[in-house]
Structure formats: C-alpha cells, structure tokens
Amino acid sequence: MASQSRVLKLWQRLENRPGGHWLFTRLVCWQAPYFASIKPRVHVLEAGRCEVGIRKRRAVTNHIGSVHAIAMCNMAELAGGLMTDATVTPAYRWIPKGMTVEYRAIAKTDLVARAYPPEASAAEGDYVVGVDVHDRDDQVVLHADITMWLSQPKSGRTRK
C-alpha cells in the first residue's frame, strides 16, 4: 500500500468522530487561512475524491444575491488541493499553477464542490484536477480545471 499524506491520515482519524468534519476543516483553514473566508466544510476526502460544501450566506454573495464567483473558485481550489494531497504520493510536492473556470449557472443555494483527478497522471509536471461546483438541485454552476505542478523535492525530503 502506498504511503498516505498527513492530511489524509488526519482526515481518517477524525471523519467518524463527533465534530470530526468541523475540526478537520478548521485545522485546514488554520494552515491556509484564506479558505476560512468562505466557512467551508469538508464532507469527503479520499484518494481520487474530495467534496467541500459552503452555505449560501450574505458574506459570500454578490450584488445580485447569488454566491460570488470568487467564493466558488475558493472552494474549488480547496477541494482540488485536498484531493491532490490525498491522491499523490507524499514523495511529491504540489502547488496550484493555474485555474480555468467556466461559470455555468447562477449559484442561488448552498453549494458542494466535487474534485476528481485527471484520467492520466504524470509523475512530475502538470496535474490537471477537475472540480465541479453543484447547487442543491445537483446542477453544475461552475466547472474549474486546476493545474497543479507536481515535483520531487531536490533535497530528498518528502511530505509526510
């Protein structure tokens, strides 16, 4: 069995405990504070899959009362990053390199971002993660392709 990232191991320890999803999400947001601005909740995390939800509330809406595009991009990046961390072997580092976004519908409800890995994966280089953001009716309101840069540390150190 391949080794797992620290993030995935932490999720597996907390996911079935009372308040575990909340605590895990808070710890992720403590490590990467900007994500806290949307008050996300991680629902699912496993190799090849991540789901992150947000509630529609005033702080994430725009002038027309729908969920702001950047709030959706924020949740897409969080879901894509967590899925990448859970999927890629800890021998590799990763960092978001770019994001292409398609706005497909007005987001008028609570949302869930679902990240999935590319069909083919390179050992190093670009790793394009797909993320769909769904509304309560399961309509895709945003699609993002997030290019992650995978590399091996030069010093031989790996993520744990």
C-alpha atoms as a PDB file:
ATOM      1  CA  MET A   1       0.000   0.000   0.000  1.00  0.00           C
ATOM      2  CA  ALA A   2       1.308   3.444  -0.907  1.00  0.00           C
ATOM      3  CA  SER A   3       2.089   5.816   1.908  1.00  0.00           C
ATOM      4  CA  GLN A   4      -0.515   8.454   2.729  1.00  0.00           C
ATOM      5  CA  SER A   5      -0.208  12.172   3.280  1.00  0.00           C
ATOM      6  CA  ARG A   6      -0.523  13.630   6.758  1.00  0.00           C
ATOM      7  CA  VAL A   7      -3.724  15.383   5.664  1.00  0.00           C
ATOM      8  CA  LEU A   8      -5.379  12.118   4.601  1.00  0.00           C
ATOM      9  CA  LYS A   9      -4.248  10.351   7.791  1.00  0.00           C
ATOM     10  CA  LEU A  10      -5.698  13.193   9.889  1.00  0.00           C
ATOM     11  CA  TRP A  11      -8.993  13.022   7.979  1.00  0.00           C
ATOM     12  CA  GLN A  12      -9.203   9.268   8.536  1.00  0.00           C
ATOM     13  CA  ARG A  13      -8.668   9.742  12.284  1.00  0.00           C
ATOM     14  CA  LEU A  14     -11.344  12.443  12.557  1.00  0.00           C
ATOM     15  CA  GLU A  15     -14.008  11.698   9.946  1.00  0.00           C
ATOM     16  CA  ASN A  16     -16.195   9.381  12.061  1.00  0.00           C
ATOM     17  CA  ARG A  17     -15.832  11.236  15.351  1.00  0.00           C
ATOM     18  CA  PRO A  18     -18.424  13.725  16.603  1.00  0.00           C
ATOM     19  CA  GLY A  19     -17.421  17.114  15.215  1.00  0.00           C
ATOM     20  CA  GLY A  20     -14.632  15.486  13.209  1.00  0.00           C
ATOM     21  CA  HIS A  21     -15.504  17.100   9.864  1.00  0.00           C
ATOM     22  CA  TRP A  22     -15.762  20.510  11.549  1.00  0.00           C
ATOM     23  CA  LEU A  23     -12.444  20.077  13.387  1.00  0.00           C
ATOM     24  CA  PHE A  24     -10.631  18.807  10.296  1.00  0.00           C
ATOM     25  CA  THR A  25     -11.888  21.747   8.246  1.00  0.00           C
ATOM     26  CA  ARG A  26     -10.860  24.234  10.948  1.00  0.00           C
ATOM     27  CA  LEU A  27      -7.364  22.736  11.048  1.00  0.00           C
ATOM     28  CA  VAL A  28      -7.045  23.018   7.258  1.00  0.00           C
ATOM     29  CA  CYS A  29      -8.232  26.643   7.421  1.00  0.00           C
ATOM     30  CA  TRP A  30      -5.766  27.367  10.203  1.00  0.00           C
ATOM     31  CA  GLN A  31      -2.972  26.093   7.962  1.00  0.00           C
ATOM     32  CA  ALA A  32      -4.281  28.026   4.911  1.00  0.00           C
ATOM     33  CA  PRO A  33      -6.256  30.949   6.417  1.00  0.00           C
ATOM     34  CA  TYR A  34      -7.783  32.404   3.246  1.00  0.00           C
ATOM     35  CA  PHE A  35     -10.052  29.365   2.886  1.00  0.00           C
ATOM     36  CA  ALA A  36     -11.723  30.288   6.186  1.00  0.00           C
ATOM     37  CA  SER A  37     -13.328  33.297   4.473  1.00  0.00           C
ATOM     38  CA  ILE A  38     -15.958  31.011   2.885  1.00  0.00           C
ATOM     39  CA  LYS A  39     -16.511  28.883   6.027  1.00  0.00           C
ATOM     40  CA  PRO A  40     -16.188  25.575   4.170  1.00  0.00           C
ATOM     41  CA  ARG A  41     -16.965  22.103   5.458  1.00  0.00           C
ATOM     42  CA  VAL A  42     -15.108  19.059   4.128  1.00  0.00           C
ATOM     43  CA  HIS A  43     -17.626  16.240   3.611  1.00  0.00           C
ATOM     44  CA  VAL A  44     -15.500  13.588   1.849  1.00  0.00           C
ATOM     45  CA  LEU A  45     -11.761  13.068   1.427  1.00  0.00           C
ATOM     46  CA  GLU A  46     -10.122  10.016  -0.069  1.00  0.00           C
ATOM     47  CA  ALA A  47      -7.627   9.233  -2.802  1.00  0.00           C
ATOM     48  CA  GLY A  48      -9.209  10.462  -6.030  1.00  0.00           C
ATOM     49  CA  ARG A  49     -12.145  12.292  -4.428  1.00  0.00           C
ATOM     50  CA  CYS A  50     -12.948  15.298  -2.269  1.00  0.00           C
ATOM     51  CA  GLU A  51     -16.213  17.114  -1.515  1.00  0.00           C
ATOM     52  CA  VAL A  52     -16.352  20.524   0.155  1.00  0.00           C
ATOM     53  CA  GLY A  53     -19.547  22.409   0.949  1.00  0.00           C
ATOM     54  CA  ILE A  54     -20.411  26.009   1.759  1.00  0.00           C
ATOM     55  CA  ARG A  55     -23.644  27.594   2.909  1.00  0.00           C
ATOM     56  CA  LYS A  56     -25.085  30.479   0.954  1.00  0.00           C
ATOM     57  CA  ARG A  57     -24.862  33.406   3.349  1.00  0.00           C
ATOM     58  CA  ARG A  58     -24.503  37.145   2.977  1.00  0.00           C
ATOM     59  CA  ALA A  59     -20.688  37.133   3.329  1.00  0.00           C
ATOM     60  CA  VAL A  60     -20.244  35.023   0.163  1.00  0.00           C
ATOM     61  CA  THR A  61     -22.860  36.724  -2.016  1.00  0.00           C
ATOM     62  CA  ASN A  62     -22.507  39.404  -4.660  1.00  0.00           C
ATOM     63  CA  HIS A  63     -24.627  42.448  -5.501  1.00  0.00           C
ATOM     64  CA  ILE A  64     -27.359  40.324  -7.141  1.00  0.00           C
ATOM     65  CA  GLY A  65     -27.694  37.942  -4.192  1.00  0.00           C
ATOM     66  CA  SER A  66     -26.038  34.875  -5.702  1.00  0.00           C
ATOM     67  CA  VAL A  67     -22.878  33.166  -4.441  1.00  0.00           C
ATOM     68  CA  HIS A  68     -19.884  35.184  -5.633  1.00  0.00           C
ATOM     69  CA  ALA A  69     -17.723  33.647  -8.352  1.00  0.00           C
ATOM     70  CA  ILE A  70     -14.547  34.027  -6.301  1.00  0.00           C
ATOM     71  CA  ALA A  71     -16.126  32.222  -3.329  1.00  0.00           C
ATOM     72  CA  MET A  72     -16.819  29.323  -5.710  1.00  0.00           C
ATOM     73  CA  CYS A  73     -13.243  29.472  -7.039  1.00  0.00           C
ATOM     74  CA  ASN A  74     -12.003  29.418  -3.442  1.00  0.00           C
ATOM     75  CA  MET A  75     -13.981  26.271  -2.642  1.00  0.00           C
ATOM     76  CA  ALA A  76     -12.900  24.659  -5.925  1.00  0.00           C
ATOM     77  CA  GLU A  77      -9.236  25.292  -5.089  1.00  0.00           C
ATOM     78  CA  LEU A  78      -9.713  23.869  -1.586  1.00  0.00           C
ATOM     79  CA  ALA A  79     -11.397  20.700  -2.878  1.00  0.00           C
ATOM     80  CA  GLY A  80      -8.837  20.289  -5.669  1.00  0.00           C
ATOM     81  CA  GLY A  81      -5.889  20.811  -3.344  1.00  0.00           C
ATOM     82  CA  LEU A  82      -7.152  18.388  -0.709  1.00  0.00           C
ATOM     83  CA  MET A  83      -7.931  15.755  -3.338  1.00  0.00           C
ATOM     84  CA  THR A  84      -4.463  16.185  -4.850  1.00  0.00           C
ATOM     85  CA  ASP A  85      -2.842  15.866  -1.427  1.00  0.00           C
ATOM     86  CA  ALA A  86      -4.831  12.697  -0.695  1.00  0.00           C
ATOM     87  CA  THR A  87      -4.095  11.168  -4.113  1.00  0.00           C
ATOM     88  CA  VAL A  88      -0.479  11.980  -4.971  1.00  0.00           C
ATOM     89  CA  THR A  89       2.238  10.033  -3.210  1.00  0.00           C
ATOM     90  CA  PRO A  90       3.923  12.010  -0.408  1.00  0.00           C
ATOM     91  CA  ALA A  91       7.206  11.754  -2.344  1.00  0.00           C
ATOM     92  CA  TYR A  92       5.919  14.657  -4.464  1.00  0.00           C
ATOM     93  CA  ARG A  93       5.228  18.286  -3.683  1.00  0.00           C
ATOM     94  CA  TRP A  94       2.363  20.083  -5.386  1.00  0.00           C
ATOM     95  CA  ILE A  95       1.234  23.664  -5.783  1.00  0.00           C
ATOM     96  CA  PRO A  96      -1.602  25.235  -7.805  1.00  0.00           C
ATOM     97  CA  LYS A  97      -0.186  26.703 -11.008  1.00  0.00           C
ATOM     98  CA  GLY A  98      -3.328  27.930 -12.754  1.00  0.00           C
ATOM     99  CA  MET A  99      -7.091  27.683 -12.915  1.00  0.00           C
ATOM    100  CA  THR A 100      -9.515  27.809 -15.818  1.00  0.00           C
ATOM    101  CA  VAL A 101     -13.109  28.470 -14.817  1.00  0.00           C
ATOM    102  CA  GLU A 102     -16.467  28.186 -16.579  1.00  0.00           C
ATOM    103  CA  TYR A 103     -19.492  29.768 -14.913  1.00  0.00           C
ATOM    104  CA  ARG A 104     -22.440  27.643 -15.997  1.00  0.00           C
ATOM    105  CA  ALA A 105     -25.378  28.903 -13.919  1.00  0.00           C
ATOM    106  CA  ILE A 106     -26.263  31.398 -11.207  1.00  0.00           C
ATOM    107  CA  ALA A 107     -25.491  29.942  -7.770  1.00  0.00           C
ATOM    108  CA  LYS A 108     -28.558  30.655  -5.630  1.00  0.00           C
ATOM    109  CA  THR A 109     -28.248  27.915  -2.968  1.00  0.00           C
ATOM    110  CA  ASP A 110     -25.755  26.182  -0.692  1.00  0.00           C
ATOM    111  CA  LEU A 111     -23.005  24.567  -2.783  1.00  0.00           C
ATOM    112  CA  VAL A 112     -20.821  21.461  -2.930  1.00  0.00           C
ATOM    113  CA  ALA A 113     -17.512  21.282  -4.822  1.00  0.00           C
ATOM    114  CA  ARG A 114     -16.523  17.821  -6.044  1.00  0.00           C
ATOM    115  CA  ALA A 115     -12.919  17.312  -7.127  1.00  0.00           C
ATOM    116  CA  TYR A 116     -11.674  14.412  -9.199  1.00  0.00           C
ATOM    117  CA  PRO A 117      -8.225  13.523 -10.546  1.00  0.00           C
ATOM    118  CA  PRO A 118      -7.094  13.551 -14.175  1.00  0.00           C
ATOM    119  CA  GLU A 119      -7.553  10.370 -16.207  1.00  0.00           C
ATOM    120  CA  ALA A 120      -3.801  10.135 -16.792  1.00  0.00           C
ATOM    121  CA  SER A 121      -1.222  11.299 -14.315  1.00  0.00           C
ATOM    122  CA  ALA A 122       2.350  12.353 -14.913  1.00  0.00           C
ATOM    123  CA  ALA A 123       4.993  11.574 -12.317  1.00  0.00           C
ATOM    124  CA  GLU A 124       6.150  15.197 -12.477  1.00  0.00           C
ATOM    125  CA  GLY A 125       4.808  18.291 -14.151  1.00  0.00           C
ATOM    126  CA  ASP A 126       1.235  19.376 -14.767  1.00  0.00           C
ATOM    127  CA  TYR A 127      -1.557  17.504 -12.985  1.00  0.00           C
ATOM    128  CA  VAL A 128      -4.939  18.914 -14.051  1.00  0.00           C
ATOM    129  CA  VAL A 129      -7.647  18.436 -11.443  1.00  0.00           C
ATOM    130  CA  GLY A 130     -11.296  18.835 -12.396  1.00  0.00           C
ATOM    131  CA  VAL A 131     -13.739  20.381  -9.944  1.00  0.00           C
ATOM    132  CA  ASP A 132     -17.488  20.793 -10.403  1.00  0.00           C
ATOM    133  CA  VAL A 133     -19.463  23.032  -8.050  1.00  0.00           C
ATOM    134  CA  HIS A 134     -23.069  21.867  -7.676  1.00  0.00           C
ATOM    135  CA  ASP A 135     -26.118  23.594  -6.240  1.00  0.00           C
ATOM    136  CA  ARG A 136     -28.840  21.886  -4.147  1.00  0.00           C
ATOM    137  CA  ASP A 137     -30.520  20.616  -7.331  1.00  0.00           C
ATOM    138  CA  ASP A 138     -27.207  18.998  -8.379  1.00  0.00           C
ATOM    139  CA  GLN A 139     -26.846  21.466 -11.265  1.00  0.00           C
ATOM    140  CA  VAL A 140     -23.233  22.338 -12.079  1.00  0.00           C
ATOM    141  CA  VAL A 141     -22.919  26.090 -11.524  1.00  0.00           C
ATOM    142  CA  LEU A 142     -19.136  26.246 -12.005  1.00  0.00           C
ATOM    143  CA  HIS A 143     -16.518  23.990 -13.527  1.00  0.00           C
ATOM    144  CA  ALA A 144     -12.819  24.511 -12.851  1.00  0.00           C
ATOM    145  CA  ASP A 145      -9.731  22.844 -14.235  1.00  0.00           C
ATOM    146  CA  ILE A 146      -6.924  23.466 -11.771  1.00  0.00           C
ATOM    147  CA  THR A 147      -3.390  22.817 -12.954  1.00  0.00           C
ATOM    148  CA  MET A 148      -1.246  21.549 -10.103  1.00  0.00           C
ATOM    149  CA  TRP A 149       2.530  21.468 -10.507  1.00  0.00           C
ATOM    150  CA  LEU A 150       3.991  18.195  -9.201  1.00  0.00           C
ATOM    151  CA  SER A 151       7.666  17.931  -8.377  1.00  0.00           C
ATOM    152  CA  GLN A 152      10.025  15.959  -6.225  1.00  0.00           C
ATOM    153  CA  PRO A 153      11.969  17.899  -3.630  1.00  0.00           C
ATOM    154  CA  LYS A 154      15.625  18.293  -4.604  1.00  0.00           C
ATOM    155  CA  SER A 155      16.807  17.656  -1.046  1.00  0.00           C
ATOM    156  CA  GLY A 156      15.176  14.247  -0.925  1.00  0.00           C
ATOM    157  CA  ARG A 157      12.706  15.402   1.735  1.00  0.00           C
ATOM    158  CA  THR A 158       9.109  14.313   1.252  1.00  0.00           C
ATOM    159  CA  ARG A 159       5.710  15.281   2.618  1.00  0.00           C
ATOM    160  CA  LYS A 160       4.639  13.076   5.483  1.00  0.00           C
END
